[in-house]
Amino acid sequence: METKDYIIELRMSTGMTRKEFCEYFEIPYRTLQDWELGNRKMPDYVLRLIEYKIGVEKLAKKK
């Protein structure tokens, strides 16, 4: 799976819109948009931090 697809999947697992996700994680909207479209690559450490925060705060919705 490409990183951009994983970012989208991660965001969708929280049930948040792009705007809500950006506000919660304090990421500029345009930056997240570029990451999800594959125009820019999300730094690996940022991806790991977001995964960690989602896990710790139990933001992911149960399937």
N, C-alpha and C. Protein backbone atom coordinates (compact mmCIF):
# COMPACT_ATOMS: atom_id res chain seq x y z
N MET A 1 0.84 -1.17 0.00
CA MET A 1 0.00 0.00 0.00
C MET A 1 0.89 1.24 0.00
N GLU A 2 0.53 2.18 -0.82
CA GLU A 2 1.29 3.43 -0.87
C GLU A 2 1.00 4.25 0.37
N THR A 3 1.96 5.10 0.71
CA THR A 3 1.82 5.95 1.89
C THR A 3 0.58 6.82 1.81
N LYS A 4 0.32 7.40 0.64
CA LYS A 4 -0.84 8.29 0.51
C LYS A 4 -2.14 7.55 0.79
N ASP A 5 -2.24 6.30 0.35
CA ASP A 5 -3.43 5.50 0.60
C ASP A 5 -3.54 5.15 2.09
N TYR A 6 -2.40 4.90 2.71
CA TYR A 6 -2.40 4.57 4.14
C TYR A 6 -2.83 5.78 4.97
N ILE A 7 -2.39 6.97 4.57
CA ILE A 7 -2.78 8.19 5.28
C ILE A 7 -4.30 8.36 5.22
N ILE A 8 -4.86 8.15 4.05
CA ILE A 8 -6.31 8.27 3.88
C ILE A 8 -7.02 7.23 4.75
N GLU A 9 -6.53 5.99 4.72
CA GLU A 9 -7.12 4.92 5.52
C GLU A 9 -7.04 5.25 7.01
N LEU A 10 -5.91 5.78 7.44
CA LEU A 10 -5.72 6.15 8.84
C LEU A 10 -6.71 7.24 9.24
N ARG A 11 -6.85 8.25 8.40
CA ARG A 11 -7.81 9.33 8.69
C ARG A 11 -9.23 8.80 8.72
N MET A 12 -9.58 7.96 7.76
CA MET A 12 -10.93 7.41 7.69
C MET A 12 -11.23 6.54 8.91
N SER A 13 -10.21 5.88 9.46
CA SER A 13 -10.43 5.03 10.63
C SER A 13 -10.85 5.84 11.85
N THR A 14 -10.53 7.13 11.85
CA THR A 14 -10.93 7.98 12.97
C THR A 14 -12.34 8.54 12.77
N GLY A 15 -12.85 8.45 11.54
CA GLY A 15 -14.16 8.99 11.24
C GLY A 15 -14.14 10.50 11.07
N MET A 16 -12.96 11.08 10.99
CA MET A 16 -12.84 12.53 10.85
C MET A 16 -12.78 12.94 9.38
N THR A 17 -13.27 14.14 9.12
CA THR A 17 -13.10 14.73 7.80
C THR A 17 -11.66 15.25 7.73
N ARG A 18 -11.25 15.67 6.55
CA ARG A 18 -9.91 16.25 6.42
C ARG A 18 -9.75 17.46 7.34
N LYS A 19 -10.77 18.30 7.35
CA LYS A 19 -10.70 19.51 8.16
C LYS A 19 -10.58 19.18 9.65
N GLU A 20 -11.40 18.25 10.14
CA GLU A 20 -11.36 17.85 11.55
C GLU A 20 -10.01 17.24 11.90
N PHE A 21 -9.49 16.39 11.01
CA PHE A 21 -8.21 15.74 11.22
C PHE A 21 -7.10 16.78 11.33
N CYS A 22 -7.12 17.74 10.43
CA CYS A 22 -6.12 18.81 10.44
C CYS A 22 -6.18 19.63 11.72
N GLU A 23 -7.38 19.97 12.14
CA GLU A 23 -7.53 20.75 13.37
C GLU A 23 -7.06 19.95 14.58
N TYR A 24 -7.42 18.68 14.64
CA TYR A 24 -7.06 17.84 15.78
C TYR A 24 -5.54 17.67 15.90
N PHE A 25 -4.89 17.40 14.77
CA PHE A 25 -3.45 17.14 14.77
C PHE A 25 -2.61 18.38 14.47
N GLU A 26 -3.29 19.51 14.29
CA GLU A 26 -2.61 20.78 14.02
C GLU A 26 -1.70 20.70 12.78
N ILE A 27 -2.29 20.16 11.72
CA ILE A 27 -1.60 20.04 10.43
C ILE A 27 -2.30 21.01 9.47
N PRO A 28 -1.55 21.80 8.73
CA PRO A 28 -2.21 22.67 7.74
C PRO A 28 -3.01 21.83 6.73
N TYR A 29 -4.20 22.31 6.41
CA TYR A 29 -5.10 21.58 5.52
C TYR A 29 -4.43 21.26 4.20
N ARG A 30 -3.76 22.23 3.62
CA ARG A 30 -3.13 22.05 2.32
C ARG A 30 -2.03 20.97 2.38
N THR A 31 -1.34 20.90 3.50
CA THR A 31 -0.30 19.89 3.67
C THR A 31 -0.90 18.49 3.65
N LEU A 32 -1.96 18.28 4.43
CA LEU A 32 -2.62 16.97 4.45
C LEU A 32 -3.17 16.64 3.07
N GLN A 33 -3.74 17.60 2.42
CA GLN A 33 -4.27 17.39 1.08
C GLN A 33 -3.16 16.94 0.12
N ASP A 34 -2.01 17.60 0.18
CA ASP A 34 -0.88 17.20 -0.67
C ASP A 34 -0.39 15.80 -0.33
N TRP A 35 -0.36 15.44 0.95
CA TRP A 35 0.05 14.09 1.35
C TRP A 35 -0.92 13.06 0.79
N GLU A 36 -2.23 13.32 0.91
CA GLU A 36 -3.24 12.36 0.46
C GLU A 36 -3.28 12.24 -1.06
N LEU A 37 -2.95 13.31 -1.76
CA LEU A 37 -2.94 13.26 -3.23
C LEU A 37 -1.62 12.74 -3.79
N GLY A 38 -0.62 12.58 -2.92
CA GLY A 38 0.67 12.09 -3.36
C GLY A 38 1.56 13.16 -3.94
N ASN A 39 1.19 14.42 -3.76
CA ASN A 39 2.01 15.53 -4.26
C ASN A 39 3.24 15.75 -3.39
N ARG A 40 3.14 15.40 -2.13
CA ARG A 40 4.26 15.50 -1.18
C ARG A 40 4.28 14.24 -0.35
N LYS A 41 5.46 13.89 0.15
CA LYS A 41 5.59 12.70 0.98
C LYS A 41 5.58 13.11 2.45
N MET A 42 4.73 12.45 3.22
CA MET A 42 4.69 12.68 4.65
C MET A 42 5.95 12.10 5.28
N PRO A 43 6.63 12.87 6.13
CA PRO A 43 7.80 12.32 6.80
C PRO A 43 7.42 11.09 7.63
N ASP A 44 8.27 10.08 7.62
CA ASP A 44 7.97 8.84 8.32
C ASP A 44 7.71 9.05 9.81
N TYR A 45 8.48 9.95 10.43
CA TYR A 45 8.30 10.17 11.86
C TYR A 45 6.94 10.79 12.17
N VAL A 46 6.41 11.62 11.27
CA VAL A 46 5.09 12.21 11.47
C VAL A 46 4.02 11.12 11.38
N LEU A 47 4.17 10.24 10.42
CA LEU A 47 3.23 9.13 10.27
C LEU A 47 3.22 8.27 11.53
N ARG A 48 4.40 7.96 12.04
CA ARG A 48 4.48 7.14 13.27
C ARG A 48 3.85 7.86 14.46
N LEU A 49 4.07 9.16 14.57
CA LEU A 49 3.49 9.92 15.68
C LEU A 49 1.96 9.95 15.60
N ILE A 50 1.43 10.12 14.40
CA ILE A 50 -0.02 10.14 14.23
C ILE A 50 -0.60 8.77 14.57
N GLU A 51 0.04 7.70 14.08
CA GLU A 51 -0.41 6.35 14.40
C GLU A 51 -0.42 6.14 15.91
N TYR A 52 0.63 6.57 16.56
CA TYR A 52 0.76 6.41 18.02
C TYR A 52 -0.36 7.16 18.74
N LYS A 53 -0.58 8.41 18.35
CA LYS A 53 -1.59 9.22 19.02
C LYS A 53 -2.99 8.64 18.81
N ILE A 54 -3.26 8.15 17.62
CA ILE A 54 -4.56 7.52 17.36
C ILE A 54 -4.73 6.29 18.25
N GLY A 55 -3.67 5.50 18.38
CA GLY A 55 -3.73 4.29 19.21
C GLY A 55 -3.89 4.61 20.68
N VAL A 56 -3.12 5.56 21.18
CA VAL A 56 -3.14 5.90 22.60
C VAL A 56 -4.48 6.53 22.99
N GLU A 57 -4.97 7.40 22.13
CA GLU A 57 -6.21 8.11 22.45
C GLU A 57 -7.45 7.35 21.96
N LYS A 58 -7.20 6.17 21.39
CA LYS A 58 -8.28 5.30 20.92
C LYS A 58 -9.26 6.05 20.00
N LEU A 59 -8.70 6.74 19.03
CA LEU A 59 -9.51 7.52 18.10
C LEU A 59 -10.10 6.65 17.00
N ALA A 60 -9.44 5.53 16.70
CA ALA A 60 -9.91 4.67 15.62
C ALA A 60 -11.23 4.03 16.02
N LYS A 61 -12.17 4.07 15.12
CA LYS A 61 -13.48 3.48 15.38
C LYS A 61 -13.41 1.99 15.13
N LYS A 62 -14.12 1.25 15.93
CA LYS A 62 -14.17 -0.22 15.77
C LYS A 62 -14.91 -0.55 14.50
N LYS A 63 -14.41 -1.58 13.81
CA LYS A 63 -15.07 -2.01 12.56
C LYS A 63 -16.13 -3.02 12.86
